[in-house]
Structures are given as C-alpha cells and as structure tokens.
C-alpha cells in the first residue's frame, strides 16, 4: 500500500451527491429532506417498485430473485418505508486483508469481538460498490469493515469462521461507509445507523479492470484503488446467494442488518497481484491505517450481482463488564 499526504478529511454533509444539471424532486425522509432524480425509480415508486417494469430495463438480467422476496411497509427513523431495499444491477470489489486482532479490538465497541482466522489474526476489508439500478437510484459506495463473531456467540472464533464460510454468511462491523448521493447517506445513517457521509466517489468495474477513487473535502485522495479483475464465472439467479449481517447502534440500541446478495458473475484471486491501494488523507484512509493491515489475502470482484438490504432489527449483544 502506498500512502500520500493530502488535505484534511471531508466532513459529512459538505458535498451534494446530485450531478450538475440533473433535474430533481424533493423527498422527505423522516425529518430530513433530500433531492432525488426526477423520473427515477425512487421518484416513481418510493421503494415499492413494479418488477415487471424493472425487468424491461436492458441493464437488468432478470427479477426472479426479487419475486421471491416480499416488500413490507414498516415504520422507521426515516418515516414509513418499504423493506427490503432492492438493488437490481450492481458490481463490487472487495479486498480482504489480514490484521492484528489487537488493532481490530481497539477500534471495536466493547460488545463485539473480532472473528479470528488464527489466534491473534483477524480479517479487515475494503470494499467498493457501484449500484447501477436500485430502488434509490444510481449511487456508489465504499466501506472499511472487519469480520466479527456473531453477537452473543460463545463458540471458539475459528469454529465460527468455518461455519460462516461454509454457510456463506459473515458478520461485520463497519467503520467507514462513504456514498455519493444524499438519499443514500440519509437512509444509511438515520435509518440504519451506518457511518455514512457524502463525497465524490467513482467506482468502475468491468471484466478487465476494477478501479475506485474516494475524494476528501478538498477533492484530493482519501482512498484510491485499482486491480486487474479476476476471471469471472457466471451463475444462474439463485445459484449463489450470500448473506452479510452488520451490527450498528441506532438510538442507543444495537441493531442487526441483513444483506442478501445474488451473485450472477464473479471471480476471486488469492494473494492477488497488481493490486494498488493508495491511502491519502481522510476518514476512510484513517480507518484503514488504524486497523494496521498486514497483507492482502484475497480479492473478490463481482461484475454483476443483485441484492436485498433489509431494514435493521433490534438484537441483543454480549454484555460488557
């Protein structure tokens, strides 16, 4: 990893996620007001889409995955909303790195424990997302997080890891989650409790190359990433569905959020070559440095996927002394 010195990090809310000249309409999310694209999916459907209409979008491979999931209207801190939040066409690139458990534990809330690969070694990740077609319209996102043991779980960490990998279901805690649109920031921060802020954020993923750039307050580099995309394998819809449970605190209470991903084209590289992760100045790069990553273990890239992000639900976590 290369590090360069830039200007101080951007603070939440300093930038707008709307493109210059784009026509927008106002949407109310709880006590917050945001601008969303006029005629976009959120403007037309307000989280309760017509799947037959979505299926006609040439960018969307199909909607069978979503027909098996029921939308439910719930009350939330951002007002009445439908859950899950559907992502009809997305791509992602994830770097999984070895990090010392002591560094991870120093950053985690006391109620959570790192999931260890071997004693003293945990897993940290940096992930970049591009959501081309979604209930809340196009946006990009980046994340810094760590694998944690399931809340209130008493088994050994290694057994947790084996079980979770076998079931393709991991648990995580996220330190940084910048996005490039206001609606994604408000929904993620106020509705889910995630550490989201708005910034310039570019993510481009194809079968050749995966790149991303997260800007800081002055337009300099917070984090930049590039890597050759691993060879992709295609899957039938529903053939490879993974799950991720994330823990957040919202209103002083612990919540768990389930995300289900329907992978349609993906590939991986162990001990990957050609990966460049540049750390500049900003909240995201600070979080990566604080985790003291030791080595990049794996690169996972999905050039095509779909996802269903459920609203958080209360959960009991391990009591602290």
C-alpha atoms as a PDB file:
ATOM      1  CA  UNK A   1       0.000   0.000   0.000  1.00  0.00           C
ATOM      2  CA  UNK A   2       1.247   3.437  -0.890  1.00  0.00           C
ATOM      3  CA  UNK A   3       0.364   6.466   1.244  1.00  0.00           C
ATOM      4  CA  UNK A   4       0.364  10.089   0.162  1.00  0.00           C
ATOM      5  CA  UNK A   5      -0.271  13.254   2.149  1.00  0.00           C
ATOM      6  CA  UNK A   6      -3.377  15.224   1.225  1.00  0.00           C
ATOM      7  CA  UNK A   7      -5.609  17.788   2.896  1.00  0.00           C
ATOM      8  CA  UNK A   8      -7.873  17.157   5.928  1.00  0.00           C
ATOM      9  CA  UNK A   9     -10.786  14.766   5.547  1.00  0.00           C
ATOM     10  CA  UNK A  10     -14.215  15.755   4.329  1.00  0.00           C
ATOM     11  CA  UNK A  11     -16.923  16.106   6.930  1.00  0.00           C
ATOM     12  CA  UNK A  12     -20.408  14.625   6.450  1.00  0.00           C
ATOM     13  CA  UNK A  13     -22.829  16.783   4.534  1.00  0.00           C
ATOM     14  CA  UNK A  14     -20.251  19.059   2.871  1.00  0.00           C
ATOM     15  CA  UNK A  15     -20.944  17.797  -0.651  1.00  0.00           C
ATOM     16  CA  UNK A  16     -24.064  17.021  -2.607  1.00  0.00           C
ATOM     17  CA  UNK A  17     -24.483  13.736  -4.424  1.00  0.00           C
ATOM     18  CA  UNK A  18     -26.590  15.126  -7.297  1.00  0.00           C
ATOM     19  CA  UNK A  19     -24.989  15.644 -10.680  1.00  0.00           C
ATOM     20  CA  UNK A  20     -24.815  19.172 -12.037  1.00  0.00           C
ATOM     21  CA  UNK A  21     -27.783  19.989 -14.242  1.00  0.00           C
ATOM     22  CA  UNK A  22     -29.764  16.913 -13.241  1.00  0.00           C
ATOM     23  CA  UNK A  23     -33.467  17.567 -12.684  1.00  0.00           C
ATOM     24  CA  UNK A  24     -34.583  16.568  -9.213  1.00  0.00           C
ATOM     25  CA  UNK A  25     -37.626  16.407  -6.965  1.00  0.00           C
ATOM     26  CA  UNK A  26     -37.851  16.677  -3.189  1.00  0.00           C
ATOM     27  CA  UNK A  27     -38.325  13.618  -0.982  1.00  0.00           C
ATOM     28  CA  UNK A  28     -38.978  13.611   2.763  1.00  0.00           C
ATOM     29  CA  UNK A  29     -37.165  11.033   4.909  1.00  0.00           C
ATOM     30  CA  UNK A  30     -38.252  11.481   8.499  1.00  0.00           C
ATOM     31  CA  UNK A  31     -37.114  14.975   9.478  1.00  0.00           C
ATOM     32  CA  UNK A  32     -34.675  15.209   6.555  1.00  0.00           C
ATOM     33  CA  UNK A  33     -35.320  16.449   3.022  1.00  0.00           C
ATOM     34  CA  UNK A  34     -33.287  15.222   0.061  1.00  0.00           C
ATOM     35  CA  UNK A  35     -33.273  15.745  -3.691  1.00  0.00           C
ATOM     36  CA  UNK A  36     -33.700  12.662  -5.895  1.00  0.00           C
ATOM     37  CA  UNK A  37     -33.615  12.302  -9.719  1.00  0.00           C
ATOM     38  CA  UNK A  38     -36.874  13.323 -11.356  1.00  0.00           C
ATOM     39  CA  UNK A  39     -38.430  10.299 -13.041  1.00  0.00           C
ATOM     40  CA  UNK A  40     -36.020   7.896 -11.305  1.00  0.00           C
ATOM     41  CA  UNK A  41     -37.061   4.729  -9.528  1.00  0.00           C
ATOM     42  CA  UNK A  42     -37.414   6.410  -6.138  1.00  0.00           C
ATOM     43  CA  UNK A  43     -39.444   9.280  -7.580  1.00  0.00           C
ATOM     44  CA  UNK A  44     -41.809   6.869  -9.354  1.00  0.00           C
ATOM     45  CA  UNK A  45     -42.133   4.042  -6.842  1.00  0.00           C
ATOM     46  CA  UNK A  46     -40.956   5.226  -3.393  1.00  0.00           C
ATOM     47  CA  UNK A  47     -39.375   1.834  -2.581  1.00  0.00           C
ATOM     48  CA  UNK A  48     -42.352  -0.234  -3.812  1.00  0.00           C
ATOM     49  CA  UNK A  49     -41.457  -0.904  -7.464  1.00  0.00           C
ATOM     50  CA  UNK A  50     -43.248  -2.549 -10.365  1.00  0.00           C
ATOM     51  CA  UNK A  51     -40.997  -5.556 -11.011  1.00  0.00           C
ATOM     52  CA  UNK A  52     -42.427  -6.046 -14.494  1.00  0.00           C
ATOM     53  CA  UNK A  53     -41.270  -2.525 -15.342  1.00  0.00           C
ATOM     54  CA  UNK A  54     -37.839  -3.140 -13.791  1.00  0.00           C
ATOM     55  CA  UNK A  55     -37.475  -6.316 -15.855  1.00  0.00           C
ATOM     56  CA  UNK A  56     -37.768  -4.248 -19.054  1.00  0.00           C
ATOM     57  CA  UNK A  57     -34.599  -2.306 -18.193  1.00  0.00           C
ATOM     58  CA  UNK A  58     -31.878  -3.695 -20.521  1.00  0.00           C
ATOM     59  CA  UNK A  59     -29.302  -3.383 -17.737  1.00  0.00           C
ATOM     60  CA  UNK A  60     -31.215  -5.847 -15.528  1.00  0.00           C
ATOM     61  CA  UNK A  61     -30.685  -9.562 -16.220  1.00  0.00           C
ATOM     62  CA  UNK A  62     -33.920 -10.569 -14.520  1.00  0.00           C
ATOM     63  CA  UNK A  63     -36.049 -10.086 -11.415  1.00  0.00           C
ATOM     64  CA  UNK A  64     -36.745 -13.667 -10.298  1.00  0.00           C
ATOM     65  CA  UNK A  65     -34.593 -13.154  -7.187  1.00  0.00           C
ATOM     66  CA  UNK A  66     -36.812 -10.274  -6.089  1.00  0.00           C
ATOM     67  CA  UNK A  67     -40.108 -12.018  -6.826  1.00  0.00           C
ATOM     68  CA  UNK A  68     -39.230 -14.461  -4.033  1.00  0.00           C
ATOM     69  CA  UNK A  69     -38.901 -11.600  -1.538  1.00  0.00           C
ATOM     70  CA  UNK A  70     -41.918  -9.741  -0.196  1.00  0.00           C
ATOM     71  CA  UNK A  71     -41.803  -5.991   0.288  1.00  0.00           C
ATOM     72  CA  UNK A  72     -43.193  -4.934   3.674  1.00  0.00           C
ATOM     73  CA  UNK A  73     -44.022  -1.431   4.840  1.00  0.00           C
ATOM     74  CA  UNK A  74     -42.507  -0.617   8.224  1.00  0.00           C
ATOM     75  CA  UNK A  75     -42.103   2.412  10.469  1.00  0.00           C
ATOM     76  CA  UNK A  76     -38.531   3.605  10.828  1.00  0.00           C
ATOM     77  CA  UNK A  77     -36.498   6.659  11.925  1.00  0.00           C
ATOM     78  CA  UNK A  78     -36.765   7.891   8.316  1.00  0.00           C
ATOM     79  CA  UNK A  79     -40.556   7.507   8.305  1.00  0.00           C
ATOM     80  CA  UNK A  80     -42.701   4.742   6.778  1.00  0.00           C
ATOM     81  CA  UNK A  81     -40.707   2.809   4.208  1.00  0.00           C
ATOM     82  CA  UNK A  82     -40.738  -0.472   2.333  1.00  0.00           C
ATOM     83  CA  UNK A  83     -38.157  -3.162   3.070  1.00  0.00           C
ATOM     84  CA  UNK A  84     -36.027  -4.759   1.683  1.00  0.00           C
ATOM     85  CA  UNK A  85     -34.233  -2.160  -0.421  1.00  0.00           C
ATOM     86  CA  UNK A  86     -33.675  -3.805  -3.819  1.00  0.00           C
ATOM     87  CA  UNK A  87     -30.531  -3.470  -5.959  1.00  0.00           C
ATOM     88  CA  UNK A  88     -31.300  -4.812  -9.442  1.00  0.00           C
ATOM     89  CA  UNK A  89     -27.876  -4.330 -11.054  1.00  0.00           C
ATOM     90  CA  UNK A  90     -24.688  -3.819  -9.044  1.00  0.00           C
ATOM     91  CA  UNK A  91     -20.985  -4.638  -9.019  1.00  0.00           C
ATOM     92  CA  UNK A  92     -18.394  -4.751  -6.248  1.00  0.00           C
ATOM     93  CA  UNK A  93     -14.700  -5.221  -5.491  1.00  0.00           C
ATOM     94  CA  UNK A  94     -13.573  -6.427  -2.068  1.00  0.00           C
ATOM     95  CA  UNK A  95     -10.065  -6.576  -0.646  1.00  0.00           C
ATOM     96  CA  UNK A  96      -9.766  -8.896   2.365  1.00  0.00           C
ATOM     97  CA  UNK A  97      -6.665  -8.281   4.473  1.00  0.00           C
ATOM     98  CA  UNK A  98      -5.036  -9.864   7.487  1.00  0.00           C
ATOM     99  CA  UNK A  99      -4.898  -7.568  10.516  1.00  0.00           C
ATOM    100  CA  UNK A 100      -3.831  -8.000  14.113  1.00  0.00           C
ATOM    101  CA  UNK A 101      -6.741  -8.757  16.410  1.00  0.00           C
ATOM    102  CA  UNK A 102      -5.367  -6.259  18.930  1.00  0.00           C
ATOM    103  CA  UNK A 103      -5.687  -3.411  16.410  1.00  0.00           C
ATOM    104  CA  UNK A 104      -9.203  -4.508  15.450  1.00  0.00           C
ATOM    105  CA  UNK A 105     -10.293  -4.920  19.066  1.00  0.00           C
ATOM    106  CA  UNK A 106      -9.005  -1.430  19.906  1.00  0.00           C
ATOM    107  CA  UNK A 107     -11.460   0.037  17.387  1.00  0.00           C
ATOM    108  CA  UNK A 108     -14.468  -2.193  18.058  1.00  0.00           C
ATOM    109  CA  UNK A 109     -17.214  -1.409  20.583  1.00  0.00           C
ATOM    110  CA  UNK A 110     -16.740  -3.472  23.736  1.00  0.00           C
ATOM    111  CA  UNK A 111     -19.759  -5.632  22.960  1.00  0.00           C
ATOM    112  CA  UNK A 112     -18.197  -7.097  19.784  1.00  0.00           C
ATOM    113  CA  UNK A 113     -15.251  -9.447  19.234  1.00  0.00           C
ATOM    114  CA  UNK A 114     -13.080  -9.890  16.123  1.00  0.00           C
ATOM    115  CA  UNK A 115     -13.526 -13.092  14.166  1.00  0.00           C
ATOM    116  CA  UNK A 116     -10.050 -14.642  14.061  1.00  0.00           C
ATOM    117  CA  UNK A 117      -8.513 -16.641  11.250  1.00  0.00           C
ATOM    118  CA  UNK A 118      -5.889 -17.886  13.725  1.00  0.00           C
ATOM    119  CA  UNK A 119      -5.260 -16.660  17.280  1.00  0.00           C
ATOM    120  CA  UNK A 120      -4.202 -13.016  17.137  1.00  0.00           C
ATOM    121  CA  UNK A 121      -5.091 -12.503  13.461  1.00  0.00           C
ATOM    122  CA  UNK A 122      -8.405 -11.147  12.217  1.00  0.00           C
ATOM    123  CA  UNK A 123      -9.866 -10.028   8.913  1.00  0.00           C
ATOM    124  CA  UNK A 124     -10.328  -6.458   7.679  1.00  0.00           C
ATOM    125  CA  UNK A 125     -11.849  -5.474   4.365  1.00  0.00           C
ATOM    126  CA  UNK A 126     -12.080  -2.542   1.982  1.00  0.00           C
ATOM    127  CA  UNK A 127     -14.995  -2.750  -0.433  1.00  0.00           C
ATOM    128  CA  UNK A 128     -16.163  -0.612  -3.351  1.00  0.00           C
ATOM    129  CA  UNK A 129     -19.719  -0.780  -4.719  1.00  0.00           C
ATOM    130  CA  UNK A 130     -21.451   0.508  -7.818  1.00  0.00           C
ATOM    131  CA  UNK A 131     -25.261   0.348  -7.851  1.00  0.00           C
ATOM    132  CA  UNK A 132     -26.421   0.946 -11.418  1.00  0.00           C
ATOM    133  CA  UNK A 133     -30.123   0.179 -10.924  1.00  0.00           C
ATOM    134  CA  UNK A 134     -31.628   0.411  -7.443  1.00  0.00           C
ATOM    135  CA  UNK A 135     -34.761   1.451  -5.555  1.00  0.00           C
ATOM    136  CA  UNK A 136     -32.929   4.638  -4.522  1.00  0.00           C
ATOM    137  CA  UNK A 137     -31.379   5.140  -7.983  1.00  0.00           C
ATOM    138  CA  UNK A 138     -27.753   5.038  -9.087  1.00  0.00           C
ATOM    139  CA  UNK A 139     -25.046   5.592  -6.497  1.00  0.00           C
ATOM    140  CA  UNK A 140     -21.585   4.450  -5.459  1.00  0.00           C
ATOM    141  CA  UNK A 141     -20.287   3.425  -2.043  1.00  0.00           C
ATOM    142  CA  UNK A 142     -17.115   2.346  -0.265  1.00  0.00           C
ATOM    143  CA  UNK A 143     -16.617   0.575   3.051  1.00  0.00           C
ATOM    144  CA  UNK A 144     -13.984  -0.218   5.654  1.00  0.00           C
ATOM    145  CA  UNK A 145     -15.046  -3.020   7.971  1.00  0.00           C
ATOM    146  CA  UNK A 146     -13.975  -6.060   9.924  1.00  0.00           C
ATOM    147  CA  UNK A 147     -15.321  -9.564  10.409  1.00  0.00           C
ATOM    148  CA  UNK A 148     -16.767 -10.093  13.885  1.00  0.00           C
ATOM    149  CA  UNK A 149     -18.094 -13.047  15.809  1.00  0.00           C
ATOM    150  CA  UNK A 150     -21.882 -13.392  15.781  1.00  0.00           C
ATOM    151  CA  UNK A 151     -23.423 -11.365  18.619  1.00  0.00           C
ATOM    152  CA  UNK A 152     -23.753 -13.310  21.905  1.00  0.00           C
ATOM    153  CA  UNK A 153     -21.982 -16.319  20.367  1.00  0.00           C
ATOM    154  CA  UNK A 154     -19.969 -18.444  22.755  1.00  0.00           C
ATOM    155  CA  UNK A 155     -18.077 -20.794  20.470  1.00  0.00           C
ATOM    156  CA  UNK A 156     -14.428 -20.515  19.518  1.00  0.00           C
ATOM    157  CA  UNK A 157     -13.721 -17.954  16.833  1.00  0.00           C
ATOM    158  CA  UNK A 158     -12.188 -20.472  14.405  1.00  0.00           C
ATOM    159  CA  UNK A 159     -15.301 -22.644  14.565  1.00  0.00           C
ATOM    160  CA  UNK A 160     -17.395 -19.538  13.912  1.00  0.00           C
ATOM    161  CA  UNK A 161     -15.243 -18.793  10.870  1.00  0.00           C
ATOM    162  CA  UNK A 162     -15.541 -22.313   9.457  1.00  0.00           C
ATOM    163  CA  UNK A 163     -19.307 -22.350   9.980  1.00  0.00           C
ATOM    164  CA  UNK A 164     -19.810 -18.906   8.475  1.00  0.00           C
ATOM    165  CA  UNK A 165     -17.700 -19.610   5.400  1.00  0.00           C
ATOM    166  CA  UNK A 166     -19.477 -22.934   4.862  1.00  0.00           C
ATOM    167  CA  UNK A 167     -22.859 -21.192   5.016  1.00  0.00           C
ATOM    168  CA  UNK A 168     -21.580 -18.155   3.031  1.00  0.00           C
ATOM    169  CA  UNK A 169     -22.779 -15.893   5.838  1.00  0.00           C
ATOM    170  CA  UNK A 170     -20.423 -13.480   7.589  1.00  0.00           C
ATOM    171  CA  UNK A 171     -20.953 -10.890  10.329  1.00  0.00           C
ATOM    172  CA  UNK A 172     -19.317  -7.471  10.243  1.00  0.00           C
ATOM    173  CA  UNK A 173     -18.852  -4.087  11.836  1.00  0.00           C
ATOM    174  CA  UNK A 174     -18.313  -1.090   9.550  1.00  0.00           C
ATOM    175  CA  UNK A 175     -16.129   1.921  10.407  1.00  0.00           C
ATOM    176  CA  UNK A 176     -16.495   3.954   7.187  1.00  0.00           C
ATOM    177  CA  UNK A 177     -19.226   3.957   4.563  1.00  0.00           C
ATOM    178  CA  UNK A 178     -18.998   6.990   2.254  1.00  0.00           C
ATOM    179  CA  UNK A 179     -21.538   7.368  -0.566  1.00  0.00           C
ATOM    180  CA  UNK A 180     -22.093   9.848  -3.381  1.00  0.00           C
ATOM    181  CA  UNK A 181     -25.816  10.687  -3.030  1.00  0.00           C
ATOM    182  CA  UNK A 182     -27.799  12.391  -0.295  1.00  0.00           C
ATOM    183  CA  UNK A 183     -30.609   9.841  -0.171  1.00  0.00           C
ATOM    184  CA  UNK A 184     -28.106   7.006   0.333  1.00  0.00           C
ATOM    185  CA  UNK A 185     -26.455   8.966   3.143  1.00  0.00           C
ATOM    186  CA  UNK A 186     -29.685   9.846   4.980  1.00  0.00           C
ATOM    187  CA  UNK A 187     -31.214   6.393   4.663  1.00  0.00           C
ATOM    188  CA  UNK A 188     -27.982   4.663   5.687  1.00  0.00           C
ATOM    189  CA  UNK A 189     -27.118   6.983   8.565  1.00  0.00           C
ATOM    190  CA  UNK A 190     -30.515   7.877  10.013  1.00  0.00           C
ATOM    191  CA  UNK A 191     -32.331   4.665   9.110  1.00  0.00           C
ATOM    192  CA  UNK A 192     -29.650   2.046   9.697  1.00  0.00           C
ATOM    193  CA  UNK A 193     -27.052   3.686  11.938  1.00  0.00           C
ATOM    194  CA  UNK A 194     -24.185   3.291   9.472  1.00  0.00           C
ATOM    195  CA  UNK A 195     -21.261   5.794   9.483  1.00  0.00           C
ATOM    196  CA  UNK A 196     -22.141   7.384   6.142  1.00  0.00           C
ATOM    197  CA  UNK A 197     -21.170  10.706   4.631  1.00  0.00           C
ATOM    198  CA  UNK A 198     -21.401  12.163   1.118  1.00  0.00           C
ATOM    199  CA  UNK A 199     -18.372  12.729  -1.068  1.00  0.00           C
ATOM    200  CA  UNK A 200     -17.189  12.422  -4.661  1.00  0.00           C
ATOM    201  CA  UNK A 201     -16.813   8.702  -5.201  1.00  0.00           C
ATOM    202  CA  UNK A 202     -16.099   6.971  -8.511  1.00  0.00           C
ATOM    203  CA  UNK A 203     -16.296   3.205  -8.956  1.00  0.00           C
ATOM    204  CA  UNK A 204     -15.794   1.446 -12.311  1.00  0.00           C
ATOM    205  CA  UNK A 205     -15.776  -2.348 -12.546  1.00  0.00           C
ATOM    206  CA  UNK A 206     -15.642  -4.431 -15.706  1.00  0.00           C
ATOM    207  CA  UNK A 207     -14.200  -7.770 -16.761  1.00  0.00           C
ATOM    208  CA  UNK A 208     -10.775  -6.210 -17.329  1.00  0.00           C
ATOM    209  CA  UNK A 209     -10.117  -3.706 -14.537  1.00  0.00           C
ATOM    210  CA  UNK A 210     -11.627  -2.597 -11.244  1.00  0.00           C
ATOM    211  CA  UNK A 211     -10.951   0.969 -10.074  1.00  0.00           C
ATOM    212  CA  UNK A 212     -12.256   3.350  -7.429  1.00  0.00           C
ATOM    213  CA  UNK A 213     -11.479   6.783  -6.028  1.00  0.00           C
ATOM    214  CA  UNK A 214     -12.868   8.292  -2.836  1.00  0.00           C
ATOM    215  CA  UNK A 215     -12.314  12.050  -2.521  1.00  0.00           C
ATOM    216  CA  UNK A 216     -11.698  14.091   0.611  1.00  0.00           C
ATOM    217  CA  UNK A 217     -13.030  17.573   1.406  1.00  0.00           C
ATOM    218  CA  UNK A 218     -10.681  19.387  -0.966  1.00  0.00           C
ATOM    219  CA  UNK A 219     -11.103  16.946  -3.852  1.00  0.00           C
ATOM    220  CA  UNK A 220      -7.853  15.149  -3.068  1.00  0.00           C
ATOM    221  CA  UNK A 221      -7.439  11.439  -2.480  1.00  0.00           C
ATOM    222  CA  UNK A 222      -8.882   9.787   0.585  1.00  0.00           C
ATOM    223  CA  UNK A 223      -8.548   6.290  -0.914  1.00  0.00           C
ATOM    224  CA  UNK A 224      -7.790   5.138  -4.455  1.00  0.00           C
ATOM    225  CA  UNK A 225      -7.856   1.545  -5.691  1.00  0.00           C
ATOM    226  CA  UNK A 226      -7.087  -0.353  -8.866  1.00  0.00           C
ATOM    227  CA  UNK A 227      -6.629  -4.026  -9.702  1.00  0.00           C
ATOM    228  CA  UNK A 228      -6.966  -6.439 -12.590  1.00  0.00           C
ATOM    229  CA  UNK A 229     -10.416  -8.035 -12.409  1.00  0.00           C
ATOM    230  CA  UNK A 230     -10.157 -11.783 -11.716  1.00  0.00           C
ATOM    231  CA  UNK A 231     -11.607 -14.099 -14.358  1.00  0.00           C
ATOM    232  CA  UNK A 232     -15.381 -14.179 -13.970  1.00  0.00           C
ATOM    233  CA  UNK A 233     -17.659 -17.190 -13.577  1.00  0.00           C
ATOM    234  CA  UNK A 234     -21.351 -16.789 -14.349  1.00  0.00           C
ATOM    235  CA  UNK A 235     -24.113 -18.195 -12.146  1.00  0.00           C
ATOM    236  CA  UNK A 236     -27.819 -18.741 -12.557  1.00  0.00           C
ATOM    237  CA  UNK A 237     -30.018 -16.472 -10.468  1.00  0.00           C
ATOM    238  CA  UNK A 238     -30.353 -18.019  -7.016  1.00  0.00           C
ATOM    239  CA  UNK A 239     -27.449 -20.434  -7.510  1.00  0.00           C
ATOM    240  CA  UNK A 240     -25.031 -18.436  -5.374  1.00  0.00           C
ATOM    241  CA  UNK A 241     -26.639 -16.260  -2.716  1.00  0.00           C
ATOM    242  CA  UNK A 242     -24.506 -14.943   0.141  1.00  0.00           C
ATOM    243  CA  UNK A 243     -25.557 -13.130   3.308  1.00  0.00           C
ATOM    244  CA  UNK A 244     -23.932 -10.495   5.469  1.00  0.00           C
ATOM    245  CA  UNK A 245     -25.140  -9.385   8.893  1.00  0.00           C
ATOM    246  CA  UNK A 246     -23.878  -5.963  10.016  1.00  0.00           C
ATOM    247  CA  UNK A 247     -24.133  -4.585  13.543  1.00  0.00           C
ATOM    248  CA  UNK A 248     -24.844  -0.927  14.281  1.00  0.00           C
ATOM    249  CA  UNK A 249     -26.002   1.197  17.205  1.00  0.00           C
ATOM    250  CA  UNK A 250     -29.094   3.270  16.482  1.00  0.00           C
ATOM    251  CA  UNK A 251     -30.708   5.441  19.132  1.00  0.00           C
ATOM    252  CA  UNK A 252     -28.550   3.844  21.817  1.00  0.00           C
ATOM    253  CA  UNK A 253     -29.698   0.333  20.887  1.00  0.00           C
ATOM    254  CA  UNK A 254     -27.954  -2.427  18.998  1.00  0.00           C
ATOM    255  CA  UNK A 255     -29.356  -3.397  15.609  1.00  0.00           C
ATOM    256  CA  UNK A 256     -28.549  -6.087  13.051  1.00  0.00           C
ATOM    257  CA  UNK A 257     -28.956  -5.535   9.330  1.00  0.00           C
ATOM    258  CA  UNK A 258     -29.203  -8.414   6.865  1.00  0.00           C
ATOM    259  CA  UNK A 259     -27.968  -8.047   3.298  1.00  0.00           C
ATOM    260  CA  UNK A 260     -28.556 -10.852   0.778  1.00  0.00           C
ATOM    261  CA  UNK A 261     -26.543 -10.846  -2.445  1.00  0.00           C
ATOM    262  CA  UNK A 262     -27.490 -12.799  -5.557  1.00  0.00           C
ATOM    263  CA  UNK A 263     -24.200 -13.233  -7.408  1.00  0.00           C
ATOM    264  CA  UNK A 264     -24.500 -13.531 -11.191  1.00  0.00           C
ATOM    265  CA  UNK A 265     -20.867 -13.104 -12.333  1.00  0.00           C
ATOM    266  CA  UNK A 266     -17.859 -13.120 -10.005  1.00  0.00           C
ATOM    267  CA  UNK A 267     -14.246 -14.159  -9.586  1.00  0.00           C
ATOM    268  CA  UNK A 268     -11.568 -14.269  -6.886  1.00  0.00           C
ATOM    269  CA  UNK A 269      -7.799 -14.172  -6.557  1.00  0.00           C
ATOM    270  CA  UNK A 270      -5.861 -15.370  -3.507  1.00  0.00           C
ATOM    271  CA  UNK A 271      -2.739 -13.337  -2.688  1.00  0.00           C
ATOM    272  CA  UNK A 272      -3.608 -11.163  -5.699  1.00  0.00           C
ATOM    273  CA  UNK A 273      -1.028  -9.373  -7.807  1.00  0.00           C
ATOM    274  CA  UNK A 274      -1.310  -5.931  -9.326  1.00  0.00           C
ATOM    275  CA  UNK A 275      -3.471  -4.507  -6.529  1.00  0.00           C
ATOM    276  CA  UNK A 276      -2.879  -0.834  -5.736  1.00  0.00           C
ATOM    277  CA  UNK A 277      -4.474   0.725  -2.661  1.00  0.00           C
ATOM    278  CA  UNK A 278      -3.437   4.332  -2.178  1.00  0.00           C
ATOM    279  CA  UNK A 279      -4.132   5.978   1.167  1.00  0.00           C
ATOM    280  CA  UNK A 280      -4.331   9.765   1.259  1.00  0.00           C
ATOM    281  CA  UNK A 281      -5.936  11.910   3.938  1.00  0.00           C
ATOM    282  CA  UNK A 282      -9.479  11.336   5.128  1.00  0.00           C
ATOM    283  CA  UNK A 283     -11.715   9.362   7.392  1.00  0.00           C
ATOM    284  CA  UNK A 284     -11.625   6.224   5.281  1.00  0.00           C
ATOM    285  CA  UNK A 285      -7.835   6.113   4.975  1.00  0.00           C
ATOM    286  CA  UNK A 286      -7.521   6.848   8.703  1.00  0.00           C
ATOM    287  CA  UNK A 287      -9.718   3.859   9.485  1.00  0.00           C
ATOM    288  CA  UNK A 288      -7.654   1.583   7.254  1.00  0.00           C
ATOM    289  CA  UNK A 289      -4.402   2.700   8.881  1.00  0.00           C
ATOM    290  CA  UNK A 290      -5.841   2.232  12.378  1.00  0.00           C
ATOM    291  CA  UNK A 291      -6.603  -1.424  11.607  1.00  0.00           C
ATOM    292  CA  UNK A 292      -2.906  -1.971  10.731  1.00  0.00           C
ATOM    293  CA  UNK A 293      -3.479  -4.345   7.780  1.00  0.00           C
ATOM    294  CA  UNK A 294      -0.603  -6.757   7.317  1.00  0.00           C
ATOM    295  CA  UNK A 295      -1.215  -8.438   3.981  1.00  0.00           C
ATOM    296  CA  UNK A 296      -3.863  -8.644   1.274  1.00  0.00           C
ATOM    297  CA  UNK A 297      -5.256 -12.151   1.444  1.00  0.00           C
ATOM    298  CA  UNK A 298      -7.912 -12.111  -1.268  1.00  0.00           C
ATOM    299  CA  UNK A 299      -9.563 -10.029  -3.973  1.00  0.00           C
ATOM    300  CA  UNK A 300     -13.204 -10.739  -4.795  1.00  0.00           C
ATOM    301  CA  UNK A 301     -14.869  -8.953  -7.705  1.00  0.00           C
ATOM    302  CA  UNK A 302     -18.469  -9.346  -8.838  1.00  0.00           C
ATOM    303  CA  UNK A 303     -19.085  -7.702 -12.194  1.00  0.00           C
ATOM    304  CA  UNK A 304     -22.799  -8.452 -11.912  1.00  0.00           C
ATOM    305  CA  UNK A 305     -24.912  -9.056  -8.837  1.00  0.00           C
ATOM    306  CA  UNK A 306     -28.217  -8.183  -7.191  1.00  0.00           C
ATOM    307  CA  UNK A 307     -29.012  -7.525  -3.546  1.00  0.00           C
ATOM    308  CA  UNK A 308     -31.757  -7.117  -0.980  1.00  0.00           C
ATOM    309  CA  UNK A 309     -30.909  -4.912   2.010  1.00  0.00           C
ATOM    310  CA  UNK A 310     -33.337  -5.386   4.893  1.00  0.00           C
ATOM    311  CA  UNK A 311     -34.160  -2.711   7.451  1.00  0.00           C
ATOM    312  CA  UNK A 312     -32.351  -3.249  10.778  1.00  0.00           C
ATOM    313  CA  UNK A 313     -33.940  -5.139  13.650  1.00  0.00           C
ATOM    314  CA  UNK A 314     -33.109  -4.945  17.381  1.00  0.00           C
ATOM    315  CA  UNK A 315     -30.648  -7.517  18.658  1.00  0.00           C
ATOM    316  CA  UNK A 316     -29.170  -8.491  21.998  1.00  0.00           C
ATOM    317  CA  UNK A 317     -25.376  -8.346  22.170  1.00  0.00           C
ATOM    318  CA  UNK A 318     -22.770  -9.574  24.620  1.00  0.00           C
ATOM    319  CA  UNK A 319     -22.962  -7.738  27.939  1.00  0.00           C
ATOM    320  CA  UNK A 320     -19.880  -5.743  28.964  1.00  0.00           C
ATOM    321  CA  UNK A 321     -18.280  -5.923  32.387  1.00  0.00           C
END
